[in-house]
């Protein structure tokens, strides 16, 4: 299982503009596996992404909107994109100029691999 997770984060990291890719536990925000550029703080990103994803999932459920399929946070210095399955969240941190459409496609392919 570990090598398949490593393959997932490596594949996501190869996308143009991606600075970090992580597999995170939604429950506690701990890093399961990651591929980070020098200078990226994986533990902080993991905790933030897990918290935001969990709150979005719970909020969507409370509003009877169904399941959260894709989460995107845009900021001045970059983007955070996330998809989840079971208790795991796949997270990508990308540059502001990165093609989110391509990243989204790769995230959906990767989350299907977790099934």
C-alpha atoms as a PDB file:
ATOM      1  CA  UNK A   1       0.000   0.000   0.000  1.00  0.00           C
ATOM      2  CA  UNK A   2       2.812   2.440   0.832  1.00  0.00           C
ATOM      3  CA  UNK A   3       4.356   2.268  -2.635  1.00  0.00           C
ATOM      4  CA  UNK A   4       0.973   2.936  -4.279  1.00  0.00           C
ATOM      5  CA  UNK A   5       0.497   6.001  -2.054  1.00  0.00           C
ATOM      6  CA  UNK A   6       4.000   7.163  -2.956  1.00  0.00           C
ATOM      7  CA  UNK A   7       3.116   6.741  -6.645  1.00  0.00           C
ATOM      8  CA  UNK A   8      -0.002   8.882  -6.153  1.00  0.00           C
ATOM      9  CA  UNK A   9       1.792  11.810  -4.520  1.00  0.00           C
ATOM     10  CA  UNK A  10       4.639  11.601  -7.040  1.00  0.00           C
ATOM     11  CA  UNK A  11       2.189  11.665  -9.952  1.00  0.00           C
ATOM     12  CA  UNK A  12       0.394  14.691  -8.511  1.00  0.00           C
ATOM     13  CA  UNK A  13       3.695  16.469  -7.859  1.00  0.00           C
ATOM     14  CA  UNK A  14       4.695  16.154 -11.503  1.00  0.00           C
ATOM     15  CA  UNK A  15       1.886  18.487 -12.574  1.00  0.00           C
ATOM     16  CA  UNK A  16       3.129  21.896 -13.712  1.00  0.00           C
ATOM     17  CA  UNK A  17       2.952  24.485 -10.925  1.00  0.00           C
ATOM     18  CA  UNK A  18       2.460  22.000  -8.084  1.00  0.00           C
ATOM     19  CA  UNK A  19       4.560  22.831  -5.015  1.00  0.00           C
ATOM     20  CA  UNK A  20       3.323  20.044  -2.755  1.00  0.00           C
ATOM     21  CA  UNK A  21       1.071  17.015  -2.826  1.00  0.00           C
ATOM     22  CA  UNK A  22      -0.074  15.192   0.272  1.00  0.00           C
ATOM     23  CA  UNK A  23      -2.314  12.405   1.457  1.00  0.00           C
ATOM     24  CA  UNK A  24      -3.770  13.466   4.781  1.00  0.00           C
ATOM     25  CA  UNK A  25      -5.964  11.899   7.433  1.00  0.00           C
ATOM     26  CA  UNK A  26      -9.192  13.914   7.552  1.00  0.00           C
ATOM     27  CA  UNK A  27      -9.774  12.937  11.167  1.00  0.00           C
ATOM     28  CA  UNK A  28      -6.576  14.272  12.738  1.00  0.00           C
ATOM     29  CA  UNK A  29      -4.783  16.151   9.946  1.00  0.00           C
ATOM     30  CA  UNK A  30      -1.700  13.921  10.031  1.00  0.00           C
ATOM     31  CA  UNK A  31       0.367  13.366   6.901  1.00  0.00           C
ATOM     32  CA  UNK A  32       0.058   9.837   5.516  1.00  0.00           C
ATOM     33  CA  UNK A  33       2.433  10.498   2.615  1.00  0.00           C
ATOM     34  CA  UNK A  34       3.735  13.589   0.876  1.00  0.00           C
ATOM     35  CA  UNK A  35       5.968  15.071  -1.772  1.00  0.00           C
ATOM     36  CA  UNK A  36       7.057  18.591  -0.886  1.00  0.00           C
ATOM     37  CA  UNK A  37       9.272  21.177  -2.480  1.00  0.00           C
ATOM     38  CA  UNK A  38      12.038  22.545  -0.325  1.00  0.00           C
ATOM     39  CA  UNK A  39      10.602  25.101   2.082  1.00  0.00           C
ATOM     40  CA  UNK A  40       7.024  23.765   2.154  1.00  0.00           C
ATOM     41  CA  UNK A  41       5.682  22.901   5.616  1.00  0.00           C
ATOM     42  CA  UNK A  42       3.762  19.679   5.109  1.00  0.00           C
ATOM     43  CA  UNK A  43       2.431  19.394   8.640  1.00  0.00           C
ATOM     44  CA  UNK A  44       0.840  22.857   8.576  1.00  0.00           C
ATOM     45  CA  UNK A  45      -0.618  22.328   5.129  1.00  0.00           C
ATOM     46  CA  UNK A  46      -1.989  18.936   6.175  1.00  0.00           C
ATOM     47  CA  UNK A  47      -3.664  20.286   9.302  1.00  0.00           C
ATOM     48  CA  UNK A  48      -5.160  23.241   7.426  1.00  0.00           C
ATOM     49  CA  UNK A  49      -6.404  21.152   4.504  1.00  0.00           C
ATOM     50  CA  UNK A  50      -7.941  18.459   6.724  1.00  0.00           C
ATOM     51  CA  UNK A  51      -9.728  21.061   8.821  1.00  0.00           C
ATOM     52  CA  UNK A  52     -11.096  23.007   5.841  1.00  0.00           C
ATOM     53  CA  UNK A  53     -12.151  19.839   4.015  1.00  0.00           C
ATOM     54  CA  UNK A  54     -13.867  18.373   7.087  1.00  0.00           C
ATOM     55  CA  UNK A  55     -15.751  21.630   7.735  1.00  0.00           C
ATOM     56  CA  UNK A  56     -16.811  21.900   4.080  1.00  0.00           C
ATOM     57  CA  UNK A  57     -18.034  18.284   4.114  1.00  0.00           C
ATOM     58  CA  UNK A  58     -20.000  18.787   7.330  1.00  0.00           C
ATOM     59  CA  UNK A  59     -21.423  22.122   6.125  1.00  0.00           C
ATOM     60  CA  UNK A  60     -22.529  20.666   2.795  1.00  0.00           C
ATOM     61  CA  UNK A  61     -24.210  17.815   4.637  1.00  0.00           C
ATOM     62  CA  UNK A  62     -25.979  20.170   7.047  1.00  0.00           C
ATOM     63  CA  UNK A  63     -27.242  22.231   4.098  1.00  0.00           C
ATOM     64  CA  UNK A  64     -28.431  19.042   2.314  1.00  0.00           C
ATOM     65  CA  UNK A  65     -26.165  19.770  -0.647  1.00  0.00           C
ATOM     66  CA  UNK A  66     -24.670  16.291  -0.834  1.00  0.00           C
ATOM     67  CA  UNK A  67     -21.050  15.257  -0.762  1.00  0.00           C
ATOM     68  CA  UNK A  68     -18.140  17.619  -1.338  1.00  0.00           C
ATOM     69  CA  UNK A  69     -16.437  16.506  -4.520  1.00  0.00           C
ATOM     70  CA  UNK A  70     -13.684  19.114  -4.928  1.00  0.00           C
ATOM     71  CA  UNK A  71     -12.433  21.900  -2.692  1.00  0.00           C
ATOM     72  CA  UNK A  72     -10.376  24.845  -3.938  1.00  0.00           C
ATOM     73  CA  UNK A  73      -8.924  27.671  -1.870  1.00  0.00           C
ATOM     74  CA  UNK A  74      -7.390  30.539  -3.853  1.00  0.00           C
ATOM     75  CA  UNK A  75      -4.984  32.951  -2.158  1.00  0.00           C
ATOM     76  CA  UNK A  76      -2.483  35.561  -3.303  1.00  0.00           C
ATOM     77  CA  UNK A  77       0.497  33.211  -3.008  1.00  0.00           C
ATOM     78  CA  UNK A  78      -1.071  29.991  -4.241  1.00  0.00           C
ATOM     79  CA  UNK A  79      -3.927  27.537  -4.367  1.00  0.00           C
ATOM     80  CA  UNK A  80      -4.929  24.605  -2.244  1.00  0.00           C
ATOM     81  CA  UNK A  81      -6.997  21.891  -3.933  1.00  0.00           C
ATOM     82  CA  UNK A  82      -8.427  18.840  -2.177  1.00  0.00           C
ATOM     83  CA  UNK A  83     -10.558  15.767  -2.789  1.00  0.00           C
ATOM     84  CA  UNK A  84     -11.474  13.091  -0.282  1.00  0.00           C
ATOM     85  CA  UNK A  85     -12.450   9.470   0.036  1.00  0.00           C
ATOM     86  CA  UNK A  86     -13.276   7.669   3.273  1.00  0.00           C
ATOM     87  CA  UNK A  87     -10.972   9.231   5.901  1.00  0.00           C
ATOM     88  CA  UNK A  88      -8.260  10.382   3.489  1.00  0.00           C
ATOM     89  CA  UNK A  89      -7.868  13.734   1.749  1.00  0.00           C
ATOM     90  CA  UNK A  90      -5.620  14.246  -1.265  1.00  0.00           C
ATOM     91  CA  UNK A  91      -4.193  17.746  -1.216  1.00  0.00           C
ATOM     92  CA  UNK A  92      -2.277  19.757  -3.789  1.00  0.00           C
ATOM     93  CA  UNK A  93      -0.658  23.122  -3.150  1.00  0.00           C
ATOM     94  CA  UNK A  94      -0.048  24.935  -6.414  1.00  0.00           C
ATOM     95  CA  UNK A  95       1.237  28.238  -7.697  1.00  0.00           C
ATOM     96  CA  UNK A  96      -1.407  30.875  -8.523  1.00  0.00           C
ATOM     97  CA  UNK A  97      -0.783  30.395 -12.252  1.00  0.00           C
ATOM     98  CA  UNK A  98      -1.211  26.605 -12.189  1.00  0.00           C
ATOM     99  CA  UNK A  99      -3.893  25.041 -14.372  1.00  0.00           C
ATOM    100  CA  UNK A 100      -6.512  23.982 -11.813  1.00  0.00           C
ATOM    101  CA  UNK A 101      -8.449  22.027 -14.432  1.00  0.00           C
ATOM    102  CA  UNK A 102      -5.554  19.650 -15.020  1.00  0.00           C
ATOM    103  CA  UNK A 103      -4.867  19.378 -11.300  1.00  0.00           C
ATOM    104  CA  UNK A 104      -8.532  18.591 -10.672  1.00  0.00           C
ATOM    105  CA  UNK A 105      -8.504  15.805 -13.282  1.00  0.00           C
ATOM    106  CA  UNK A 106      -5.383  14.263 -11.725  1.00  0.00           C
ATOM    107  CA  UNK A 107      -6.852  14.520  -8.216  1.00  0.00           C
ATOM    108  CA  UNK A 108     -10.006  12.688  -9.317  1.00  0.00           C
ATOM    109  CA  UNK A 109      -7.923   9.971 -10.991  1.00  0.00           C
ATOM    110  CA  UNK A 110      -5.838   9.622  -7.830  1.00  0.00           C
ATOM    111  CA  UNK A 111      -8.827   9.440  -5.482  1.00  0.00           C
ATOM    112  CA  UNK A 112     -10.313   6.653  -7.617  1.00  0.00           C
ATOM    113  CA  UNK A 113      -7.071   4.730  -7.122  1.00  0.00           C
ATOM    114  CA  UNK A 114      -7.650   4.867  -3.363  1.00  0.00           C
ATOM    115  CA  UNK A 115     -10.956   3.007  -3.748  1.00  0.00           C
END
